[in-house]
Structures are given as C-alpha cells and as structure tokens.
Protein backbone atom coordinates (compact mmCIF):
# COMPACT_ATOMS: atom_id res chain seq x y z
CA MET A 1 110.96 108.23 76.16
CA GLU A 2 110.15 111.77 77.73
CA ALA A 3 109.48 112.29 81.49
CA LYS A 4 107.61 115.54 82.47
CA ALA A 5 107.17 117.64 85.36
CA ILE A 6 105.25 121.37 85.16
CA LEU A 7 104.92 124.18 88.42
CA LYS A 8 101.85 126.28 87.56
CA PHE A 9 100.84 129.36 89.53
CA ALA A 10 104.88 129.76 90.87
CA ARG A 11 105.13 133.52 92.76
CA ILE A 12 108.28 134.45 90.42
CA THR A 13 108.22 136.89 87.54
CA PRO A 14 108.86 134.72 84.34
CA ARG A 15 112.07 136.84 83.09
CA LYS A 16 113.65 135.74 86.19
CA VAL A 17 113.32 132.40 85.92
CA ARG A 18 113.74 132.71 82.20
CA ARG A 19 117.09 133.21 83.12
CA VAL A 20 117.88 130.22 84.81
CA VAL A 21 116.38 127.75 82.61
CA ASP A 22 117.84 129.11 79.48
CA LEU A 23 121.20 128.12 81.09
CA ILE A 24 120.70 124.41 81.82
CA LYS A 25 118.54 123.86 78.16
CA GLY A 26 120.41 121.43 75.87
CA LYS A 27 122.26 120.02 79.04
CA LYS A 28 122.13 116.71 80.85
CA ALA A 29 120.02 116.38 83.46
CA GLY A 30 122.87 115.56 86.03
CA ASP A 31 125.30 117.99 84.60
CA ALA A 32 122.03 120.63 84.96
CA LEU A 33 121.84 119.98 88.64
CA ILE A 34 124.74 120.44 89.68
CA ALA A 35 125.06 123.67 87.79
CA LEU A 36 121.77 124.88 89.29
CA ARG A 37 123.28 124.03 92.62
CA PHE A 38 126.04 126.76 92.60
CA MET A 39 123.75 129.42 90.69
CA PRO A 40 123.19 132.63 92.97
CA TYR A 41 119.71 133.53 91.71
CA ARG A 42 116.45 132.96 93.36
CA GLY A 43 114.74 131.05 90.55
CA ALA A 44 117.37 128.13 90.53
CA ASP A 45 115.98 126.90 93.75
CA ILE A 46 113.02 126.18 92.36
CA VAL A 47 113.69 124.95 88.75
CA GLU A 48 116.60 122.67 90.66
CA LYS A 49 113.50 121.19 92.44
CA ILE A 50 111.09 120.60 89.02
CA LEU A 51 113.97 118.88 87.53
CA LYS A 52 114.05 116.59 90.94
CA SER A 53 110.90 115.82 90.02
CA ALA A 54 110.96 115.15 86.76
CA MET A 55 114.18 112.92 86.79
CA ALA A 56 111.86 110.75 89.44
CA ASN A 57 108.85 110.77 87.05
CA ALA A 58 111.68 109.00 84.80
CA GLU A 59 113.00 106.92 86.51
CA GLN A 60 109.89 105.48 87.64
CA LYS A 61 108.87 104.98 83.95
CA LYS A 62 111.40 103.10 83.68
CA ALA A 63 113.64 105.00 81.25
CA VAL A 64 117.38 105.04 80.79
CA ASN A 65 119.29 106.79 83.52
CA PRO A 66 117.28 109.68 84.44
CA GLU A 67 120.49 111.95 84.48
CA ASP A 68 122.13 110.97 80.72
CA MET A 69 118.90 112.48 79.32
CA SER A 70 118.72 115.45 77.48
CA VAL A 71 116.67 118.87 79.24
CA LYS A 72 114.22 121.04 77.68
CA ALA A 73 112.35 123.68 79.64
CA PHE A 74 110.39 126.38 79.26
CA VAL A 75 108.32 128.94 80.99
CA ASN A 76 105.51 130.61 80.41
CA GLN A 77 103.28 133.49 82.35
CA GLY A 78 100.68 132.68 84.22
CA PRO A 79 98.31 135.41 85.54
CA SER A 80 99.05 138.30 87.88
CA LEU A 81 97.93 139.67 91.03
CA LYS A 82 97.07 143.42 90.96
CA ARG A 83 97.42 145.20 94.03
CA VAL A 84 97.14 148.59 94.33
CA GLU A 85 99.93 151.63 95.99
CA GLN A 86 98.85 154.64 97.50
CA ARG A 87 100.46 158.18 96.05
CA SER A 88 100.64 161.54 97.01
CA MET A 89 97.55 163.81 95.66
CA GLY A 90 95.24 161.14 95.78
CA ARG A 91 96.86 158.92 92.97
CA ALA A 92 97.60 155.56 92.94
CA ASN A 93 99.62 153.22 91.45
CA ILE A 94 98.79 149.36 90.15
CA ILE A 95 101.81 147.03 91.08
CA ARG A 96 101.70 143.54 89.19
CA LYS A 97 102.85 140.81 91.13
CA ARG A 98 103.46 138.26 88.56
CA MET A 99 103.83 134.34 88.15
CA SER A 100 104.88 131.55 85.90
CA HIS A 101 104.39 128.26 84.70
CA ILE A 102 107.31 126.18 84.29
CA THR A 103 107.99 123.26 82.48
CA VAL A 104 110.31 120.80 82.57
CA VAL A 105 110.99 117.94 79.77
CA LEU A 106 113.70 115.29 79.95
CA THR A 107 114.34 113.85 77.00
CA GLU A 108 116.45 110.57 75.69
CA GLU A 109 119.24 111.24 72.98
CA VAL A 110 118.59 109.43 69.94
CA LYS A 111 121.65 107.78 68.70
CA SER A 112 121.54 107.45 65.39
C-alpha cells in the first residue's frame, strides 16, 4: 500500500528543493522527519509539511505504522513567472521566478 501527497506551484526553485529531497529518499518516514527538522535549508520546511501530509494520508488508509514506511520523493519544475528588471541604456533583463511541483510517496517495504 502506498500513500501520496503532492504540492503544486510551490514558490521555490526545483533545484533548491531537490537538494533536500535527495537527502531523504529511501529513508523511513520517521527518520526523514527528524532529518528535515534540523536541515538549514528553506526547502526543508516545505518538504517536512508535505511528508507530514503523506503520513496522515497513510494513517487514513489504515496502512502499517506510517513512520515505518519508506520515502520516495521527486520534484518537477512548474511554470515560471517572468518579470522585467530595468537595466542601463534602455535595456531590460528577464527575471524568472520558478515554481516546483513536489511529490512525496510513502510505500510499505516488502518483506520476503
């Protein structure tokens, strides 16, 4: 059984979130939660919230103890907001404010 939580259009760049998500992939949900709590990155707070949501979804499905489930997570790029920054001599730069789609999936480890 698996439980999933998705956050779309998060206002943080995918590159910054992937740095955090790569550190918790494959860990047990309880261990990942503790690791996220002490990470100094801004993306850690966002991923922690999504992980808690996925754990709550697993609890609603009457799955095994959600803290013992393993974490699968991935980040996709969402749309970019384009803004114009004025430069000298009438020129302009385009500033891209990127968004992320973050997915966290909790799966039971198969015992064989």
